[in-house]
Amino acid sequence: MPVTPSHDFPSDLLAGQEELHQVRSVLLALLKRLPWSVEPLDGFSDTGGWRKVERPASPGWTPDEQAEVEKLRSKERELAVFVTCHKYWEKVSGPDAVTARAALKHAHETPDDSLSA
């Protein structure tokens, strides 16, 4: 959903939302690469439940990996607060606020991006 003319977002709000998308993307990619457990744990297999769950042994995360995840999560929280508490939202209310927040989340997309999604 590209930004419509009715949503005149301030540049700092747009930049904050874009940075939030980027930080979340980097964090997600990092978490996918890391072992499933922060602490070293043995692997397990649980076939008695309604779905089979298996995990290999986890070597755990290194202190550097833990620090990187915490740094990204902290930045994500900071940006989420900035975007959701921005003064722009004071002048938008009701159903318009929902539409505007949805438009902001997709403001960085080009029309071609929305077709491939």
PDB file of N, CA and C in Angstrom:
ATOM      1  N   MET A   1       0.853  -1.162   0.000  1.00  0.00           N
ATOM      2  CA  MET A   1       0.000   0.000   0.000  1.00  0.00           C
ATOM      3  C   MET A   1       0.907   1.235   0.000  1.00  0.00           C
ATOM      4  N   PRO A   2       1.089   1.911  -1.135  1.00  0.00           N
ATOM      5  CA  PRO A   2       1.924   3.108  -1.166  1.00  0.00           C
ATOM      6  C   PRO A   2       1.262   4.257  -0.408  1.00  0.00           C
ATOM      7  N   VAL A   3       2.069   5.218  -0.007  1.00  0.00           N
ATOM      8  CA  VAL A   3       1.549   6.364   0.723  1.00  0.00           C
ATOM      9  C   VAL A   3       0.623   7.158  -0.178  1.00  0.00           C
ATOM     10  N   THR A   4      -0.537   7.501   0.338  1.00  0.00           N
ATOM     11  CA  THR A   4      -1.488   8.307  -0.413  1.00  0.00           C
ATOM     12  C   THR A   4      -1.282   9.768  -0.045  1.00  0.00           C
ATOM     13  N   PRO A   5      -1.738  10.694  -0.883  1.00  0.00           N
ATOM     14  CA  PRO A   5      -1.560  12.102  -0.574  1.00  0.00           C
ATOM     15  C   PRO A   5      -2.187  12.529   0.751  1.00  0.00           C
ATOM     16  N   SER A   6      -3.194  11.808   1.241  1.00  0.00           N
ATOM     17  CA  SER A   6      -3.841  12.180   2.494  1.00  0.00           C
ATOM     18  C   SER A   6      -2.943  11.948   3.707  1.00  0.00           C
ATOM     19  N   HIS A   7      -1.871  11.206   3.538  1.00  0.00           N
ATOM     20  CA  HIS A   7      -0.937  10.947   4.634  1.00  0.00           C
ATOM     21  C   HIS A   7       0.364  11.681   4.342  1.00  0.00           C
ATOM     22  N   ASP A   8       0.475  12.829   4.929  1.00  0.00           N
ATOM     23  CA  ASP A   8       1.661  13.647   4.741  1.00  0.00           C
ATOM     24  C   ASP A   8       2.599  13.401   5.922  1.00  0.00           C
ATOM     25  N   PHE A   9       3.284  12.251   5.897  1.00  0.00           N
ATOM     26  CA  PHE A   9       4.146  11.874   7.006  1.00  0.00           C
ATOM     27  C   PHE A   9       5.385  12.763   7.052  1.00  0.00           C
ATOM     28  N   PRO A  10       5.797  13.189   8.248  1.00  0.00           N
ATOM     29  CA  PRO A  10       7.037  13.953   8.368  1.00  0.00           C
ATOM     30  C   PRO A  10       8.233  13.070   8.005  1.00  0.00           C
ATOM     31  N   SER A  11       9.279  13.684   7.510  1.00  0.00           N
ATOM     32  CA  SER A  11      10.442  12.918   7.052  1.00  0.00           C
ATOM     33  C   SER A  11      11.097  12.130   8.176  1.00  0.00           C
ATOM     34  N   ASP A  12      11.116  12.670   9.406  1.00  0.00           N
ATOM     35  CA  ASP A  12      11.747  11.929  10.501  1.00  0.00           C
ATOM     36  C   ASP A  12      10.939  10.683  10.871  1.00  0.00           C
ATOM     37  N   LEU A  13       9.617  10.753  10.744  1.00  0.00           N
ATOM     38  CA  LEU A  13       8.781   9.587  11.011  1.00  0.00           C
ATOM     39  C   LEU A  13       8.997   8.527   9.933  1.00  0.00           C
ATOM     40  N   LEU A  14       9.052   8.940   8.687  1.00  0.00           N
ATOM     41  CA  LEU A  14       9.335   8.001   7.586  1.00  0.00           C
ATOM     42  C   LEU A  14      10.707   7.351   7.768  1.00  0.00           C
ATOM     43  N   ALA A  15      11.704   8.157   8.128  1.00  0.00           N
ATOM     44  CA  ALA A  15      13.055   7.631   8.323  1.00  0.00           C
ATOM     45  C   ALA A  15      13.086   6.652   9.501  1.00  0.00           C
ATOM     46  N   GLY A  16      12.380   6.982  10.580  1.00  0.00           N
ATOM     47  CA  GLY A  16      12.326   6.086  11.735  1.00  0.00           C
ATOM     48  C   GLY A  16      11.672   4.762  11.394  1.00  0.00           C
ATOM     49  N   GLN A  17      10.572   4.797  10.626  1.00  0.00           N
ATOM     50  CA  GLN A  17       9.893   3.565  10.227  1.00  0.00           C
ATOM     51  C   GLN A  17      10.786   2.731   9.320  1.00  0.00           C
ATOM     52  N   GLU A  18      11.484   3.366   8.392  1.00  0.00           N
ATOM     53  CA  GLU A  18      12.385   2.640   7.491  1.00  0.00           C
ATOM     54  C   GLU A  18      13.517   1.990   8.286  1.00  0.00           C
ATOM     55  N   GLU A  19      14.100   2.724   9.228  1.00  0.00           N
ATOM     56  CA  GLU A  19      15.174   2.156  10.046  1.00  0.00           C
ATOM     57  C   GLU A  19      14.650   1.001  10.893  1.00  0.00           C
ATOM     58  N   LEU A  20      13.418   1.119  11.395  1.00  0.00           N
ATOM     59  CA  LEU A  20      12.809   0.030  12.157  1.00  0.00           C
ATOM     60  C   LEU A  20      12.681  -1.223  11.302  1.00  0.00           C
ATOM     61  N   HIS A  21      12.243  -1.068  10.059  1.00  0.00           N
ATOM     62  CA  HIS A  21      12.172  -2.216   9.137  1.00  0.00           C
ATOM     63  C   HIS A  21      13.548  -2.846   8.958  1.00  0.00           C
ATOM     64  N   GLN A  22      14.565  -2.011   8.766  1.00  0.00           N
ATOM     65  CA  GLN A  22      15.920  -2.518   8.542  1.00  0.00           C
ATOM     66  C   GLN A  22      16.452  -3.258   9.761  1.00  0.00           C
ATOM     67  N   VAL A  23      16.274  -2.680  10.944  1.00  0.00           N
ATOM     68  CA  VAL A  23      16.765  -3.316  12.172  1.00  0.00           C
ATOM     69  C   VAL A  23      16.056  -4.653  12.384  1.00  0.00           C
ATOM     70  N   ARG A  24      14.757  -4.686  12.161  1.00  0.00           N
ATOM     71  CA  ARG A  24      14.013  -5.945  12.323  1.00  0.00           C
ATOM     72  C   ARG A  24      14.490  -6.997  11.325  1.00  0.00           C
ATOM     73  N   SER A  25      14.792  -6.586  10.124  1.00  0.00           N
ATOM     74  CA  SER A  25      15.276  -7.512   9.107  1.00  0.00           C
ATOM     75  C   SER A  25      16.637  -8.096   9.498  1.00  0.00           C
ATOM     76  N   VAL A  26      17.537  -7.242   9.965  1.00  0.00           N
ATOM     77  CA  VAL A  26      18.862  -7.698  10.394  1.00  0.00           C
ATOM     78  C   VAL A  26      18.734  -8.634  11.594  1.00  0.00           C
ATOM     79  N   LEU A  27      17.891  -8.272  12.564  1.00  0.00           N
ATOM     80  CA  LEU A  27      17.691  -9.100  13.754  1.00  0.00           C
ATOM     81  C   LEU A  27      17.121 -10.464  13.377  1.00  0.00           C
ATOM     82  N   LEU A  28      16.125 -10.486  12.514  1.00  0.00           N
ATOM     83  CA  LEU A  28      15.524 -11.751  12.097  1.00  0.00           C
ATOM     84  C   LEU A  28      16.554 -12.643  11.402  1.00  0.00           C
ATOM     85  N   ALA A  29      17.354 -12.056  10.520  1.00  0.00           N
ATOM     86  CA  ALA A  29      18.381 -12.838   9.825  1.00  0.00           C
ATOM     87  C   ALA A  29      19.401 -13.405  10.817  1.00  0.00           C
ATOM     88  N   LEU A  30      19.788 -12.597  11.789  1.00  0.00           N
ATOM     89  CA  LEU A  30      20.733 -13.066  12.804  1.00  0.00           C
ATOM     90  C   LEU A  30      20.138 -14.204  13.621  1.00  0.00           C
ATOM     91  N   LEU A  31      18.900 -14.056  14.083  1.00  0.00           N
ATOM     92  CA  LEU A  31      18.260 -15.091  14.890  1.00  0.00           C
ATOM     93  C   LEU A  31      18.098 -16.400  14.113  1.00  0.00           C
ATOM     94  N   LYS A  32      17.898 -16.314  12.814  1.00  0.00           N
ATOM     95  CA  LYS A  32      17.778 -17.529  11.990  1.00  0.00           C
ATOM     96  C   LYS A  32      19.108 -18.263  11.885  1.00  0.00           C
ATOM     97  N   ARG A  33      20.216 -17.505  11.942  1.00  0.00           N
ATOM     98  CA  ARG A  33      21.546 -18.114  11.832  1.00  0.00           C
ATOM     99  C   ARG A  33      22.025 -18.718  13.159  1.00  0.00           C
ATOM    100  N   LEU A  34      21.559 -18.180  14.261  1.00  0.00           N
ATOM    101  CA  LEU A  34      22.047 -18.609  15.571  1.00  0.00           C
ATOM    102  C   LEU A  34      21.447 -19.950  15.983  1.00  0.00           C
ATOM    103  N   PRO A  35      22.128 -20.660  16.894  1.00  0.00           N
ATOM    104  CA  PRO A  35      21.553 -21.901  17.435  1.00  0.00           C
ATOM    105  C   PRO A  35      20.218 -21.618  18.113  1.00  0.00           C
ATOM    106  N   TRP A  36      19.394 -22.637  18.244  1.00  0.00           N
ATOM    107  CA  TRP A  36      18.046 -22.467  18.787  1.00  0.00           C
ATOM    108  C   TRP A  36      18.026 -22.090  20.262  1.00  0.00           C
ATOM    109  N   SER A  37      19.106 -22.383  20.988  1.00  0.00           N
ATOM    110  CA  SER A  37      19.142 -22.075  22.414  1.00  0.00           C
ATOM    111  C   SER A  37      20.295 -21.124  22.723  1.00  0.00           C
ATOM    112  N   VAL A  38      20.036 -20.158  23.580  1.00  0.00           N
ATOM    113  CA  VAL A  38      21.078 -19.221  23.993  1.00  0.00           C
ATOM    114  C   VAL A  38      22.149 -19.962  24.797  1.00  0.00           C
ATOM    115  N   GLU A  39      21.713 -20.827  25.695  1.00  0.00           N
ATOM    116  CA  GLU A  39      22.625 -21.623  26.525  1.00  0.00           C
ATOM    117  C   GLU A  39      22.892 -22.967  25.847  1.00  0.00           C
ATOM    118  N   PRO A  40      24.068 -23.551  26.074  1.00  0.00           N
ATOM    119  CA  PRO A  40      24.314 -24.890  25.520  1.00  0.00           C
ATOM    120  C   PRO A  40      23.317 -25.905  26.105  1.00  0.00           C
ATOM    121  N   LEU A  41      22.659 -26.634  25.232  1.00  0.00           N
ATOM    122  CA  LEU A  41      21.697 -27.654  25.657  1.00  0.00           C
ATOM    123  C   LEU A  41      21.810 -28.880  24.769  1.00  0.00           C
ATOM    124  N   ASP A  42      21.460 -30.043  25.351  1.00  0.00           N
ATOM    125  CA  ASP A  42      21.419 -31.273  24.569  1.00  0.00           C
ATOM    126  C   ASP A  42      20.258 -31.213  23.594  1.00  0.00           C
ATOM    127  N   GLY A  43      20.367 -31.981  22.537  1.00  0.00           N
ATOM    128  CA  GLY A  43      19.266 -32.096  21.595  1.00  0.00           C
ATOM    129  C   GLY A  43      18.150 -32.927  22.197  1.00  0.00           C
ATOM    130  N   PHE A  44      16.976 -32.880  21.566  1.00  0.00           N
ATOM    131  CA  PHE A  44      15.864 -33.685  22.053  1.00  0.00           C
ATOM    132  C   PHE A  44      14.915 -34.004  20.918  1.00  0.00           C
ATOM    133  N   SER A  45      14.075 -35.004  21.173  1.00  0.00           N
ATOM    134  CA  SER A  45      13.036 -35.398  20.230  1.00  0.00           C
ATOM    135  C   SER A  45      11.785 -35.704  21.023  1.00  0.00           C
ATOM    136  N   ASP A  46      10.694 -35.083  20.664  1.00  0.00           N
ATOM    137  CA  ASP A  46       9.409 -35.305  21.339  1.00  0.00           C
ATOM    138  C   ASP A  46       8.399 -35.728  20.288  1.00  0.00           C
ATOM    139  N   THR A  47       8.141 -37.018  20.237  1.00  0.00           N
ATOM    140  CA  THR A  47       7.188 -37.533  19.253  1.00  0.00           C
ATOM    141  C   THR A  47       5.853 -37.898  19.886  1.00  0.00           C
ATOM    142  N   GLY A  48       5.707 -37.683  21.185  1.00  0.00           N
ATOM    143  CA  GLY A  48       4.479 -38.073  21.879  1.00  0.00           C
ATOM    144  C   GLY A  48       3.380 -37.030  21.817  1.00  0.00           C
ATOM    145  N   GLY A  49       3.683 -35.841  21.389  1.00  0.00           N
ATOM    146  CA  GLY A  49       2.681 -34.777  21.350  1.00  0.00           C
ATOM    147  C   GLY A  49       1.890 -34.795  20.051  1.00  0.00           C
ATOM    148  N   TRP A  50       1.107 -33.773  19.854  1.00  0.00           N
ATOM    149  CA  TRP A  50       0.270 -33.694  18.657  1.00  0.00           C
ATOM    150  C   TRP A  50       1.085 -33.368  17.410  1.00  0.00           C
ATOM    151  N   ARG A  51       2.331 -32.874  17.609  1.00  0.00           N
ATOM    152  CA  ARG A  51       3.245 -32.705  16.474  1.00  0.00           C
ATOM    153  C   ARG A  51       4.648 -33.058  16.924  1.00  0.00           C
ATOM    154  N   LYS A  52       5.414 -33.562  16.005  1.00  0.00           N
ATOM    155  CA  LYS A  52       6.776 -33.982  16.301  1.00  0.00           C
ATOM    156  C   LYS A  52       7.680 -32.753  16.420  1.00  0.00           C
ATOM    157  N   VAL A  53       8.451 -32.707  17.510  1.00  0.00           N
ATOM    158  CA  VAL A  53       9.385 -31.613  17.726  1.00  0.00           C
ATOM    159  C   VAL A  53      10.768 -32.210  17.934  1.00  0.00           C
ATOM    160  N   GLU A  54      11.716 -31.755  17.142  1.00  0.00           N
ATOM    161  CA  GLU A  54      13.098 -32.218  17.285  1.00  0.00           C
ATOM    162  C   GLU A  54      14.030 -31.022  17.251  1.00  0.00           C
ATOM    163  N   ARG A  55      15.050 -31.068  18.074  1.00  0.00           N
ATOM    164  CA  ARG A  55      16.074 -30.042  18.079  1.00  0.00           C
ATOM    165  C   ARG A  55      17.434 -30.726  18.218  1.00  0.00           C
ATOM    166  N   PRO A  56      18.402 -30.297  17.420  1.00  0.00           N
ATOM    167  CA  PRO A  56      19.751 -30.837  17.587  1.00  0.00           C
ATOM    168  C   PRO A  56      20.393 -30.209  18.830  1.00  0.00           C
ATOM    169  N   ALA A  57      21.501 -30.746  19.256  1.00  0.00           N
ATOM    170  CA  ALA A  57      22.227 -30.147  20.374  1.00  0.00           C
ATOM    171  C   ALA A  57      22.595 -28.710  20.012  1.00  0.00           C
ATOM    172  N   SER A  58      22.516 -27.834  20.992  1.00  0.00           N
ATOM    173  CA  SER A  58      22.825 -26.422  20.755  1.00  0.00           C
ATOM    174  C   SER A  58      24.112 -26.052  21.494  1.00  0.00           C
ATOM    175  N   PRO A  59      25.075 -25.493  20.772  1.00  0.00           N
ATOM    176  CA  PRO A  59      26.298 -25.049  21.441  1.00  0.00           C
ATOM    177  C   PRO A  59      26.079 -23.755  22.231  1.00  0.00           C
ATOM    178  N   GLY A  60      24.907 -23.141  22.065  1.00  0.00           N
ATOM    179  CA  GLY A  60      24.629 -21.872  22.726  1.00  0.00           C
ATOM    180  C   GLY A  60      25.185 -20.709  21.915  1.00  0.00           C
ATOM    181  N   TRP A  61      24.925 -19.519  22.391  1.00  0.00           N
ATOM    182  CA  TRP A  61      25.408 -18.316  21.719  1.00  0.00           C
ATOM    183  C   TRP A  61      26.678 -17.835  22.398  1.00  0.00           C
ATOM    184  N   THR A  62      27.566 -17.270  21.621  1.00  0.00           N
ATOM    185  CA  THR A  62      28.772 -16.670  22.182  1.00  0.00           C
ATOM    186  C   THR A  62      28.389 -15.353  22.863  1.00  0.00           C
ATOM    187  N   PRO A  63      29.245 -14.852  23.737  1.00  0.00           N
ATOM    188  CA  PRO A  63      28.964 -13.545  24.338  1.00  0.00           C
ATOM    189  C   PRO A  63      28.798 -12.433  23.292  1.00  0.00           C
ATOM    190  N   ASP A  64      29.573 -12.505  22.209  1.00  0.00           N
ATOM    191  CA  ASP A  64      29.436 -11.507  21.141  1.00  0.00           C
ATOM    192  C   ASP A  64      28.076 -11.610  20.454  1.00  0.00           C
ATOM    193  N   GLU A  65      27.601 -12.834  20.222  1.00  0.00           N
ATOM    194  CA  GLU A  65      26.290 -13.019  19.604  1.00  0.00           C
ATOM    195  C   GLU A  65      25.186 -12.518  20.532  1.00  0.00           C
ATOM    196  N   GLN A  66      25.302 -12.808  21.808  1.00  0.00           N
ATOM    197  CA  GLN A  66      24.318 -12.328  22.774  1.00  0.00           C
ATOM    198  C   GLN A  66      24.283 -10.799  22.806  1.00  0.00           C
ATOM    199  N   ALA A  67      25.478 -10.197  22.774  1.00  0.00           N
ATOM    200  CA  ALA A  67      25.562  -8.732  22.800  1.00  0.00           C
ATOM    201  C   ALA A  67      24.958  -8.130  21.532  1.00  0.00           C
ATOM    202  N   GLU A  68      25.199  -8.765  20.394  1.00  0.00           N
ATOM    203  CA  GLU A  68      24.650  -8.258  19.127  1.00  0.00           C
ATOM    204  C   GLU A  68      23.125  -8.343  19.114  1.00  0.00           C
ATOM    205  N   VAL A  69      22.579  -9.447  19.592  1.00  0.00           N
ATOM    206  CA  VAL A  69      21.113  -9.593  19.661  1.00  0.00           C
ATOM    207  C   VAL A  69      20.534  -8.543  20.599  1.00  0.00           C
ATOM    208  N   GLU A  70      21.148  -8.350  21.758  1.00  0.00           N
ATOM    209  CA  GLU A  70      20.638  -7.358  22.712  1.00  0.00           C
ATOM    210  C   GLU A  70      20.729  -5.951  22.134  1.00  0.00           C
ATOM    211  N   LYS A  71      21.810  -5.652  21.428  1.00  0.00           N
ATOM    212  CA  LYS A  71      21.966  -4.334  20.800  1.00  0.00           C
ATOM    213  C   LYS A  71      20.856  -4.093  19.777  1.00  0.00           C
ATOM    214  N   LEU A  72      20.579  -5.088  18.939  1.00  0.00           N
ATOM    215  CA  LEU A  72      19.531  -4.952  17.924  1.00  0.00           C
ATOM    216  C   LEU A  72      18.143  -4.868  18.558  1.00  0.00           C
ATOM    217  N   ARG A  73      17.890  -5.660  19.595  1.00  0.00           N
ATOM    218  CA  ARG A  73      16.586  -5.599  20.268  1.00  0.00           C
ATOM    219  C   ARG A  73      16.388  -4.244  20.943  1.00  0.00           C
ATOM    220  N   SER A  74      17.435  -3.717  21.520  1.00  0.00           N
ATOM    221  CA  SER A  74      17.354  -2.408  22.159  1.00  0.00           C
ATOM    222  C   SER A  74      17.056  -1.316  21.121  1.00  0.00           C
ATOM    223  N   LYS A  75      17.746  -1.385  19.985  1.00  0.00           N
ATOM    224  CA  LYS A  75      17.511  -0.418  18.913  1.00  0.00           C
ATOM    225  C   LYS A  75      16.092  -0.560  18.364  1.00  0.00           C
ATOM    226  N   GLU A  76      15.621  -1.800  18.236  1.00  0.00           N
ATOM    227  CA  GLU A  76      14.256  -2.049  17.761  1.00  0.00           C
ATOM    228  C   GLU A  76      13.236  -1.413  18.710  1.00  0.00           C
ATOM    229  N   ARG A  77      13.421  -1.604  20.020  1.00  0.00           N
ATOM    230  CA  ARG A  77      12.504  -0.999  21.001  1.00  0.00           C
ATOM    231  C   ARG A  77      12.531   0.523  20.916  1.00  0.00           C
ATOM    232  N   GLU A  78      13.721   1.079  20.822  1.00  0.00           N
ATOM    233  CA  GLU A  78      13.876   2.532  20.737  1.00  0.00           C
ATOM    234  C   GLU A  78      13.139   3.088  19.518  1.00  0.00           C
ATOM    235  N   LEU A  79      13.310   2.438  18.377  1.00  0.00           N
ATOM    236  CA  LEU A  79      12.657   2.898  17.153  1.00  0.00           C
ATOM    237  C   LEU A  79      11.142   2.691  17.196  1.00  0.00           C
ATOM    238  N   ALA A  80      10.705   1.582  17.779  1.00  0.00           N
ATOM    239  CA  ALA A  80       9.261   1.330  17.893  1.00  0.00           C
ATOM    240  C   ALA A  80       8.601   2.404  18.753  1.00  0.00           C
ATOM    241  N   VAL A  81       9.245   2.787  19.827  1.00  0.00           N
ATOM    242  CA  VAL A  81       8.713   3.849  20.682  1.00  0.00           C
ATOM    243  C   VAL A  81       8.698   5.172  19.920  1.00  0.00           C
ATOM    244  N   PHE A  82       9.782   5.461  19.207  1.00  0.00           N
ATOM    245  CA  PHE A  82       9.844   6.708  18.430  1.00  0.00           C
ATOM    246  C   PHE A  82       8.696   6.784  17.424  1.00  0.00           C
ATOM    247  N   VAL A  83       8.489   5.696  16.681  1.00  0.00           N
ATOM    248  CA  VAL A  83       7.459   5.693  15.632  1.00  0.00           C
ATOM    249  C   VAL A  83       6.056   5.766  16.235  1.00  0.00           C
ATOM    250  N   THR A  84       5.789   4.959  17.255  1.00  0.00           N
ATOM    251  CA  THR A  84       4.431   4.914  17.801  1.00  0.00           C
ATOM    252  C   THR A  84       4.079   6.132  18.646  1.00  0.00           C
ATOM    253  N   CYS A  85       5.069   6.812  19.192  1.00  0.00           N
ATOM    254  CA  CYS A  85       4.803   7.979  20.050  1.00  0.00           C
ATOM    255  C   CYS A  85       5.114   9.304  19.345  1.00  0.00           C
ATOM    256  N   HIS A  86       5.349   9.261  18.054  1.00  0.00           N
ATOM    257  CA  HIS A  86       5.681  10.484  17.307  1.00  0.00           C
ATOM    258  C   HIS A  86       4.541  11.497  17.408  1.00  0.00           C
ATOM    259  N   LYS A  87       4.888  12.755  17.451  1.00  0.00           N
ATOM    260  CA  LYS A  87       3.876  13.822  17.602  1.00  0.00           C
ATOM    261  C   LYS A  87       2.887  13.866  16.434  1.00  0.00           C
ATOM    262  N   TYR A  88       3.250  13.284  15.293  1.00  0.00           N
ATOM    263  CA  TYR A  88       2.337  13.229  14.144  1.00  0.00           C
ATOM    264  C   TYR A  88       1.004  12.575  14.520  1.00  0.00           C
ATOM    265  N   TRP A  89       1.058  11.549  15.391  1.00  0.00           N
ATOM    266  CA  TRP A  89      -0.147  10.785  15.716  1.00  0.00           C
ATOM    267  C   TRP A  89      -1.145  11.582  16.553  1.00  0.00           C
ATOM    268  N   GLU A  90      -0.707  12.698  17.137  1.00  0.00           N
ATOM    269  CA  GLU A  90      -1.625  13.538  17.912  1.00  0.00           C
ATOM    270  C   GLU A  90      -2.727  14.139  17.039  1.00  0.00           C
ATOM    271  N   LYS A  91      -2.421  14.361  15.775  1.00  0.00           N
ATOM    272  CA  LYS A  91      -3.415  14.992  14.897  1.00  0.00           C
ATOM    273  C   LYS A  91      -4.226  13.993  14.079  1.00  0.00           C
ATOM    274  N   VAL A  92      -4.000  12.695  14.289  1.00  0.00           N
ATOM    275  CA  VAL A  92      -4.722  11.649  13.559  1.00  0.00           C
ATOM    276  C   VAL A  92      -5.478  10.811  14.583  1.00  0.00           C
ATOM    277  N   SER A  93      -6.770  10.573  14.337  1.00  0.00           N
ATOM    278  CA  SER A  93      -7.544   9.794  15.301  1.00  0.00           C
ATOM    279  C   SER A  93      -8.561   8.906  14.599  1.00  0.00           C
ATOM    280  N   GLY A  94      -9.136   8.002  15.373  1.00  0.00           N
ATOM    281  CA  GLY A  94     -10.190   7.121  14.871  1.00  0.00           C
ATOM    282  C   GLY A  94      -9.704   6.188  13.777  1.00  0.00           C
ATOM    283  N   PRO A  95     -10.603   5.840  12.853  1.00  0.00           N
ATOM    284  CA  PRO A  95     -10.250   4.928  11.766  1.00  0.00           C
ATOM    285  C   PRO A  95      -9.114   5.478  10.890  1.00  0.00           C
ATOM    286  N   ASP A  96      -9.020   6.804  10.833  1.00  0.00           N
ATOM    287  CA  ASP A  96      -7.944   7.417  10.066  1.00  0.00           C
ATOM    288  C   ASP A  96      -6.572   7.037  10.616  1.00  0.00           C
ATOM    289  N   ALA A  97      -6.466   6.892  11.929  1.00  0.00           N
ATOM    290  CA  ALA A  97      -5.194   6.528  12.558  1.00  0.00           C
ATOM    291  C   ALA A  97      -4.776   5.119  12.145  1.00  0.00           C
ATOM    292  N   VAL A  98      -5.734   4.213  12.094  1.00  0.00           N
ATOM    293  CA  VAL A  98      -5.430   2.838  11.691  1.00  0.00           C
ATOM    294  C   VAL A  98      -4.943   2.817  10.247  1.00  0.00           C
ATOM    295  N   THR A  99      -5.635   3.533   9.379  1.00  0.00           N
ATOM    296  CA  THR A  99      -5.250   3.602   7.973  1.00  0.00           C
ATOM    297  C   THR A  99      -3.878   4.249   7.816  1.00  0.00           C
ATOM    298  N   ALA A 100      -3.634   5.307   8.557  1.00  0.00           N
ATOM    299  CA  ALA A 100      -2.351   6.008   8.473  1.00  0.00           C
ATOM    300  C   ALA A 100      -1.210   5.128   8.968  1.00  0.00           C
ATOM    301  N   ARG A 101      -1.419   4.415  10.088  1.00  0.00           N
ATOM    302  CA  ARG A 101      -0.361   3.537  10.604  1.00  0.00           C
ATOM    303  C   ARG A 101      -0.049   2.414   9.619  1.00  0.00           C
ATOM    304  N   ALA A 102      -1.087   1.867   8.986  1.00  0.00           N
ATOM    305  CA  ALA A 102      -0.868   0.825   7.980  1.00  0.00           C
ATOM    306  C   ALA A 102      -0.114   1.395   6.787  1.00  0.00           C
ATOM    307  N   ALA A 103      -0.474   2.593   6.366  1.00  0.00           N
ATOM    308  CA  ALA A 103       0.212   3.227   5.233  1.00  0.00           C
ATOM    309  C   ALA A 103       1.672   3.499   5.567  1.00  0.00           C
ATOM    310  N   LEU A 104       1.944   3.923   6.791  1.00  0.00           N
ATOM    311  CA  LEU A 104       3.328   4.196   7.193  1.00  0.00           C
ATOM    312  C   LEU A 104       4.177   2.934   7.123  1.00  0.00           C
ATOM    313  N   LYS A 105       3.621   1.814   7.554  1.00  0.00           N
ATOM    314  CA  LYS A 105       4.374   0.552   7.530  1.00  0.00           C
ATOM    315  C   LYS A 105       4.788   0.161   6.122  1.00  0.00           C
ATOM    316  N   HIS A 106       4.030   0.601   5.123  1.00  0.00           N
ATOM    317  CA  HIS A 106       4.321   0.238   3.733  1.00  0.00           C
ATOM    318  C   HIS A 106       4.844   1.417   2.916  1.00  0.00           C
ATOM    319  N   ALA A 107       5.148   2.518   3.581  1.00  0.00           N
ATOM    320  CA  ALA A 107       5.560   3.735   2.872  1.00  0.00           C
ATOM    321  C   ALA A 107       6.851   3.562   2.097  1.00  0.00           C
ATOM    322  N   HIS A 108       7.702   2.656   2.541  1.00  0.00           N
ATOM    323  CA  HIS A 108       8.989   2.454   1.871  1.00  0.00           C
ATOM    324  C   HIS A 108       8.869   1.612   0.603  1.00  0.00           C
ATOM    325  N   GLU A 109       7.719   0.972   0.417  1.00  0.00           N
ATOM    326  CA  GLU A 109       7.526   0.110  -0.746  1.00  0.00           C
ATOM    327  C   GLU A 109       7.220   0.934  -1.988  1.00  0.00           C
ATOM    328  N   THR A 110       7.717   0.454  -3.097  1.00  0.00           N
ATOM    329  CA  THR A 110       7.347   1.048  -4.381  1.00  0.00           C
ATOM    330  C   THR A 110       6.147   0.268  -4.897  1.00  0.00           C
ATOM    331  N   PRO A 111       5.414   0.793  -5.877  1.00  0.00           N
ATOM    332  CA  PRO A 111       4.268   0.038  -6.415  1.00  0.00           C
ATOM    333  C   PRO A 111       4.648  -1.369  -6.879  1.00  0.00           C
ATOM    334  N   ASP A 112       5.869  -1.547  -7.405  1.00  0.00           N
ATOM    335  CA  ASP A 112       6.311  -2.875  -7.842  1.00  0.00           C
ATOM    336  C   ASP A 112       6.467  -3.822  -6.665  1.00  0.00           C
ATOM    337  N   ASP A 113       6.916  -3.301  -5.490  1.00  0.00           N
ATOM    338  CA  ASP A 113       7.072  -4.135  -4.297  1.00  0.00           C
ATOM    339  C   ASP A 113       5.740  -4.703  -3.858  1.00  0.00           C
ATOM    340  N   SER A 114       4.691  -3.921  -3.887  1.00  0.00           N
ATOM    341  CA  SER A 114       3.394  -4.380  -3.399  1.00  0.00           C
ATOM    342  C   SER A 114       2.796  -5.437  -4.319  1.00  0.00           C
ATOM    343  N   LEU A 115       3.170  -5.440  -5.584  1.00  0.00           N
ATOM    344  CA  LEU A 115       2.671  -6.463  -6.505  1.00  0.00           C
ATOM    345  C   LEU A 115       3.311  -7.804  -6.233  1.00  0.00           C
ATOM    346  N   SER A 116       4.570  -7.819  -5.806  1.00  0.00           N
ATOM    347  CA  SER A 116       5.263  -9.080  -5.576  1.00  0.00           C
ATOM    348  C   SER A 116       4.965  -9.651  -4.198  1.00  0.00           C
ATOM    349  N   ALA A 117       4.345  -8.881  -3.320  1.00  0.00           N
ATOM    350  CA  ALA A 117       4.066  -9.364  -1.953  1.00  0.00           C
ATOM    351  C   ALA A 117       2.880 -10.260  -1.885  1.00  0.00           C
TER     352      ALA A 117
END
